[in-house]
N, C-alpha and C. Protein backbone atom coordinates (compact mmCIF):
# COMPACT_ATOMS: atom_id res chain seq x y z
N MET A 1 85.73 79.72 78.05
CA MET A 1 85.40 80.00 76.79
C MET A 1 85.21 80.09 75.10
N HIS A 2 84.41 79.96 74.50
CA HIS A 2 84.30 79.45 73.27
C HIS A 2 84.90 80.30 72.24
N ILE A 3 86.14 79.63 71.54
CA ILE A 3 86.85 80.45 70.74
C ILE A 3 86.07 80.30 69.35
N SER A 4 85.91 81.05 68.62
CA SER A 4 85.71 81.39 67.07
C SER A 4 86.72 80.94 66.25
N GLY A 5 86.84 80.38 65.40
CA GLY A 5 87.80 80.20 64.19
C GLY A 5 88.75 81.49 64.42
N SER A 6 87.90 83.05 63.87
CA SER A 6 88.70 83.80 63.07
C SER A 6 89.72 84.70 64.60
N VAL A 7 89.02 84.57 65.71
CA VAL A 7 89.77 85.02 67.28
C VAL A 7 90.98 83.90 67.69
N GLN A 8 91.02 82.43 66.54
CA GLN A 8 91.88 81.13 66.90
C GLN A 8 92.95 82.18 66.41
N GLU A 9 92.53 82.01 64.62
CA GLU A 9 93.52 82.92 63.82
C GLU A 9 94.35 84.12 64.12
N ILE A 10 93.24 84.89 64.72
CA ILE A 10 94.42 86.27 65.60
C ILE A 10 95.50 85.58 66.19
N ILE A 11 95.29 85.19 67.37
CA ILE A 11 95.51 84.39 67.95
C ILE A 11 97.59 83.52 68.00
N LYS A 12 97.00 83.01 66.92
CA LYS A 12 98.00 82.18 65.58
C LYS A 12 99.01 83.13 65.30
N ASN A 13 98.61 84.17 64.73
CA ASN A 13 99.22 85.16 63.58
C ASN A 13 99.99 86.52 64.57
N GLY A 14 99.58 86.72 66.09
CA GLY A 14 100.29 87.45 66.63
C GLY A 14 99.74 89.16 66.41
N SER A 15 98.48 89.21 65.69
CA SER A 15 98.42 90.60 65.26
C SER A 15 97.72 90.48 64.63
N VAL A 16 96.27 91.74 64.31
CA VAL A 16 95.36 91.85 63.44
C VAL A 16 95.44 93.50 62.49
N LYS A 17 95.31 93.73 61.66
CA LYS A 17 94.78 95.03 61.34
C LYS A 17 93.14 95.17 61.15
N ILE A 18 93.11 96.46 62.12
CA ILE A 18 91.40 96.77 62.04
C ILE A 18 91.18 98.14 61.73
N ARG A 19 90.01 98.23 61.19
CA ARG A 19 89.86 100.02 60.96
C ARG A 19 89.23 100.47 61.62
N VAL A 20 89.99 101.43 62.46
CA VAL A 20 88.99 102.54 63.10
C VAL A 20 88.83 103.90 63.05
N VAL A 21 88.25 104.51 63.36
CA VAL A 21 87.74 105.92 63.40
C VAL A 21 88.98 106.33 64.50
N ARG A 22 89.79 107.61 64.04
CA ARG A 22 90.69 108.44 64.95
C ARG A 22 90.24 109.95 64.28
N SER A 23 90.15 110.78 65.25
CA SER A 23 89.99 112.13 64.88
C SER A 23 88.74 112.08 63.64
N GLY A 24 87.93 111.53 63.43
CA GLY A 24 87.02 111.70 62.54
C GLY A 24 87.37 110.67 61.31
N MET A 25 88.64 110.10 61.20
CA MET A 25 88.64 109.54 59.99
C MET A 25 89.44 108.14 59.70
N PHE A 26 89.01 107.21 59.21
CA PHE A 26 89.80 106.06 59.10
C PHE A 26 90.79 106.08 58.71
N GLN A 27 91.23 104.47 59.72
CA GLN A 27 92.67 104.51 59.58
C GLN A 27 92.84 103.08 60.08
N GLN A 28 93.74 102.26 59.26
CA GLN A 28 94.11 101.32 59.90
C GLN A 28 94.87 100.73 61.34
N LEU A 29 94.81 100.05 62.01
CA LEU A 29 95.60 99.99 62.88
C LEU A 29 96.21 98.57 63.25
N THR A 30 97.08 98.68 63.30
CA THR A 30 97.64 97.05 63.68
C THR A 30 97.58 96.42 64.99
N PHE A 31 96.83 95.68 65.57
CA PHE A 31 96.58 95.25 67.32
C PHE A 31 97.75 94.07 67.29
N SER A 32 98.39 93.51 68.53
CA SER A 32 98.89 92.29 68.30
C SER A 32 98.25 92.07 69.55
N VAL A 33 98.49 90.63 69.93
CA VAL A 33 98.46 89.76 70.87
C VAL A 33 98.89 89.96 71.98
N LYS A 34 98.67 90.43 72.96
CA LYS A 34 99.32 90.29 74.27
C LYS A 34 98.91 89.85 75.46
N ARG A 35 99.66 88.73 76.19
CA ARG A 35 99.00 88.65 77.41
C ARG A 35 99.42 89.09 78.53
N ALA A 36 98.54 89.83 78.62
CA ALA A 36 98.28 90.59 80.13
C ALA A 36 97.88 89.84 81.61
N LYS A 37 98.33 90.45 82.47
CA LYS A 37 97.88 89.48 83.96
C LYS A 37 97.21 90.90 84.73
N HIS A 38 96.26 89.99 85.30
CA HIS A 38 95.22 90.82 86.59
C HIS A 38 95.46 89.65 87.61
N GLY A 39 96.28 89.92 88.53
CA GLY A 39 96.25 88.88 89.82
C GLY A 39 96.49 87.82 89.31
N ASN A 40 96.28 86.72 90.19
CA ASN A 40 96.96 85.56 89.33
C ASN A 40 96.67 84.88 87.85
N ILE A 41 95.88 85.76 87.26
CA ILE A 41 94.67 85.58 86.05
C ILE A 41 95.89 86.00 85.08
N THR A 42 96.29 85.35 84.01
CA THR A 42 96.69 85.73 82.71
C THR A 42 95.95 85.80 81.66
N TYR A 43 95.92 86.28 80.63
CA TYR A 43 94.48 86.42 79.76
C TYR A 43 95.75 87.32 78.41
N VAL A 44 94.95 87.00 77.04
CA VAL A 44 94.73 86.97 75.83
C VAL A 44 94.27 88.60 75.72
N GLU A 45 94.83 89.60 75.26
CA GLU A 45 94.27 90.75 74.64
C GLU A 45 95.03 91.61 73.56
N LEU A 46 94.30 92.21 72.69
CA LEU A 46 94.56 93.05 71.83
C LEU A 46 95.47 94.11 72.07
N TYR A 47 96.26 94.55 71.53
CA TYR A 47 96.90 96.18 72.31
C TYR A 47 97.40 97.10 70.76
N THR A 48 97.39 97.46 71.26
CA THR A 48 97.98 99.09 70.36
C THR A 48 98.75 100.17 71.41
N ASP A 49 99.62 100.71 70.82
CA ASP A 49 99.95 101.88 71.14
C ASP A 49 99.88 102.81 70.46
N ARG A 50 98.75 103.43 69.97
CA ARG A 50 98.47 104.53 69.71
C ARG A 50 96.81 104.64 70.62
N MET A 51 96.57 105.88 70.56
CA MET A 51 95.66 106.75 71.35
C MET A 51 94.19 106.11 70.34
N VAL A 52 93.19 105.30 70.95
CA VAL A 52 91.86 105.16 70.22
C VAL A 52 90.72 105.45 71.28
N ASP A 53 89.94 106.30 70.77
CA ASP A 53 88.71 106.54 71.50
C ASP A 53 87.88 105.19 72.24
N LEU A 54 87.34 105.94 73.57
CA LEU A 54 87.29 104.18 74.11
C LEU A 54 85.72 103.57 72.98
N SER A 55 85.31 104.54 73.21
CA SER A 55 83.93 104.00 72.10
C SER A 55 84.24 103.08 71.33
N GLU A 56 85.36 103.75 70.69
CA GLU A 56 85.91 102.55 69.35
C GLU A 56 86.09 101.44 69.80
N LEU A 57 87.08 101.43 71.21
CA LEU A 57 87.70 100.40 71.31
C LEU A 57 86.76 99.33 71.80
N THR A 58 85.39 99.77 72.47
CA THR A 58 84.29 98.85 73.00
C THR A 58 83.69 98.10 71.94
N ARG A 59 83.70 98.89 70.70
CA ARG A 59 83.21 98.94 68.91
C ARG A 59 83.94 97.53 68.81
N ILE A 60 85.43 97.51 69.48
CA ILE A 60 86.24 96.53 68.31
C ILE A 60 86.77 95.74 69.25
N SER A 61 85.98 95.39 70.86
CA SER A 61 85.85 94.50 71.32
C SER A 61 84.41 93.51 71.17
N ASN A 62 83.63 94.31 70.70
CA ASN A 62 82.42 93.68 70.73
C ASN A 62 82.34 92.76 68.93
N ASP A 63 82.83 93.37 67.96
CA ASP A 63 83.18 92.79 67.09
C ASP A 63 83.75 91.59 67.44
N ILE A 64 85.34 91.49 67.45
CA ILE A 64 85.90 90.82 67.40
C ILE A 64 86.11 89.67 68.83
N GLY A 65 85.55 89.57 70.18
CA GLY A 65 85.48 88.80 71.29
C GLY A 65 85.99 89.12 72.12
N LEU A 66 87.63 89.59 71.99
CA LEU A 66 88.63 89.86 72.60
C LEU A 66 88.63 91.38 73.33
N PRO A 67 89.39 90.98 74.52
CA PRO A 67 89.51 92.22 75.50
C PRO A 67 90.53 93.33 74.15
N VAL A 68 90.55 94.54 74.25
CA VAL A 68 91.41 95.11 73.56
C VAL A 68 91.96 96.72 74.24
N GLU A 69 92.91 96.57 73.99
CA GLU A 69 93.81 97.42 75.24
C GLU A 69 94.44 98.92 74.10
N ALA A 70 94.35 99.82 74.44
CA ALA A 70 95.00 100.94 73.68
C ALA A 70 95.98 102.05 74.35
N GLN A 71 96.48 102.27 74.53
CA GLN A 71 97.59 103.88 75.20
C GLN A 71 96.76 104.37 76.39
N ASN A 72 95.30 104.67 76.01
CA ASN A 72 94.23 105.59 76.87
C ASN A 72 93.38 104.41 77.25
N GLY A 73 93.22 103.51 77.37
CA GLY A 73 92.11 103.04 77.92
C GLY A 73 92.20 101.33 77.41
N LYS A 74 91.32 100.19 78.42
CA LYS A 74 90.82 98.62 77.96
C LYS A 74 89.35 98.65 77.58
N ALA A 75 88.94 97.66 76.94
CA ALA A 75 87.77 97.86 76.38
C ALA A 75 88.15 96.15 76.63
N PHE A 76 86.26 95.73 77.43
CA PHE A 76 86.27 94.05 77.29
C PHE A 76 84.76 93.93 76.27
N PRO A 77 84.21 92.86 75.56
CA PRO A 77 83.14 92.77 75.37
C PRO A 77 82.19 92.51 76.17
N ARG A 78 80.88 93.20 75.67
CA ARG A 78 79.29 93.16 76.53
C ARG A 78 79.65 92.06 77.43
N GLY A 79 79.13 92.04 78.83
CA GLY A 79 79.07 91.31 80.06
C GLY A 79 79.94 90.60 79.95
N LYS A 80 81.63 90.15 79.67
CA LYS A 80 82.47 89.49 79.85
C LYS A 80 83.14 90.50 80.77
N SER A 81 84.41 89.69 81.39
CA SER A 81 85.34 90.20 82.47
C SER A 81 86.54 89.51 82.34
N VAL A 82 87.56 89.59 82.66
CA VAL A 82 88.73 89.02 82.81
C VAL A 82 88.42 87.42 82.80
N GLN A 83 87.95 87.37 83.62
CA GLN A 83 87.65 85.35 84.00
C GLN A 83 87.60 84.64 82.86
N ASP A 84 86.77 85.57 82.16
CA ASP A 84 86.07 84.93 80.89
C ASP A 84 87.33 84.67 79.94
N PHE A 85 88.91 85.28 80.03
CA PHE A 85 89.69 84.89 78.81
C PHE A 85 90.43 84.43 79.76
N GLN A 86 90.79 84.16 80.91
CA GLN A 86 92.22 83.13 81.85
C GLN A 86 92.56 81.95 80.46
N GLU A 87 93.85 82.21 80.74
CA GLU A 87 94.44 81.15 80.01
C GLU A 87 94.68 80.17 80.88
N SER A 88 94.52 78.57 80.64
CA SER A 88 94.82 77.60 81.14
C SER A 88 96.76 77.53 81.70
N VAL A 89 97.06 77.41 82.87
CA VAL A 89 98.28 77.57 83.08
C VAL A 89 99.10 76.13 82.19
N SER A 90 98.65 74.87 82.56
CA SER A 90 99.35 73.67 81.65
C SER A 90 99.39 73.35 80.25
N THR A 91 98.39 73.97 79.43
CA THR A 91 98.58 74.57 78.36
C THR A 91 99.28 75.80 77.66
N GLY A 92 98.56 76.95 78.13
CA GLY A 92 98.83 78.14 77.99
C GLY A 92 97.99 78.50 76.69
N SER A 93 96.68 77.82 76.57
CA SER A 93 95.87 78.24 75.58
C SER A 93 94.60 78.60 76.37
N ALA A 94 93.51 79.36 75.52
CA ALA A 94 92.66 80.18 76.16
C ALA A 94 91.39 78.76 76.65
N LYS A 95 90.94 79.11 77.63
CA LYS A 95 89.53 78.02 77.94
C LYS A 95 88.84 77.31 76.99
N ALA A 96 88.23 76.37 76.80
CA ALA A 96 87.65 75.75 75.45
C ALA A 96 85.73 75.65 76.21
N GLU A 97 86.02 75.59 77.17
CA GLU A 97 84.62 75.58 77.83
C GLU A 97 84.43 77.07 78.68
N PRO A 98 82.85 77.18 78.50
CA PRO A 98 82.07 78.12 79.33
C PRO A 98 82.30 78.58 80.27
N GLN A 99 82.64 79.61 81.32
CA GLN A 99 82.31 79.76 82.56
C GLN A 99 81.30 79.77 83.14
N GLN A 100 81.46 79.01 84.23
CA GLN A 100 80.38 79.53 84.78
C GLN A 100 79.95 79.79 85.64
N PRO A 101 78.95 81.32 85.85
CA PRO A 101 78.19 82.51 86.36
C PRO A 101 78.45 81.88 88.29
């Protein structure tokens, strides 16, 4: 996967504040970087313990380019899956090359 500069900064900082719509109101929520497991695959995602509408999670995921998880669900960027965000076992960092279909 190709990682843009802003995504690398988010992973390096460990968290990011994102403006979201909750119950019709704009709010600033802090999303922290979390390493999640899916079977034998470990991948990086943004996580918040608040409830956020799934449509809003999808928007955030598409805008940032990382999986996003909230208390009520999880969203991936359009056309991506867990394998696209798989971390390298030896270095602990996300792969730099694109995945082959």
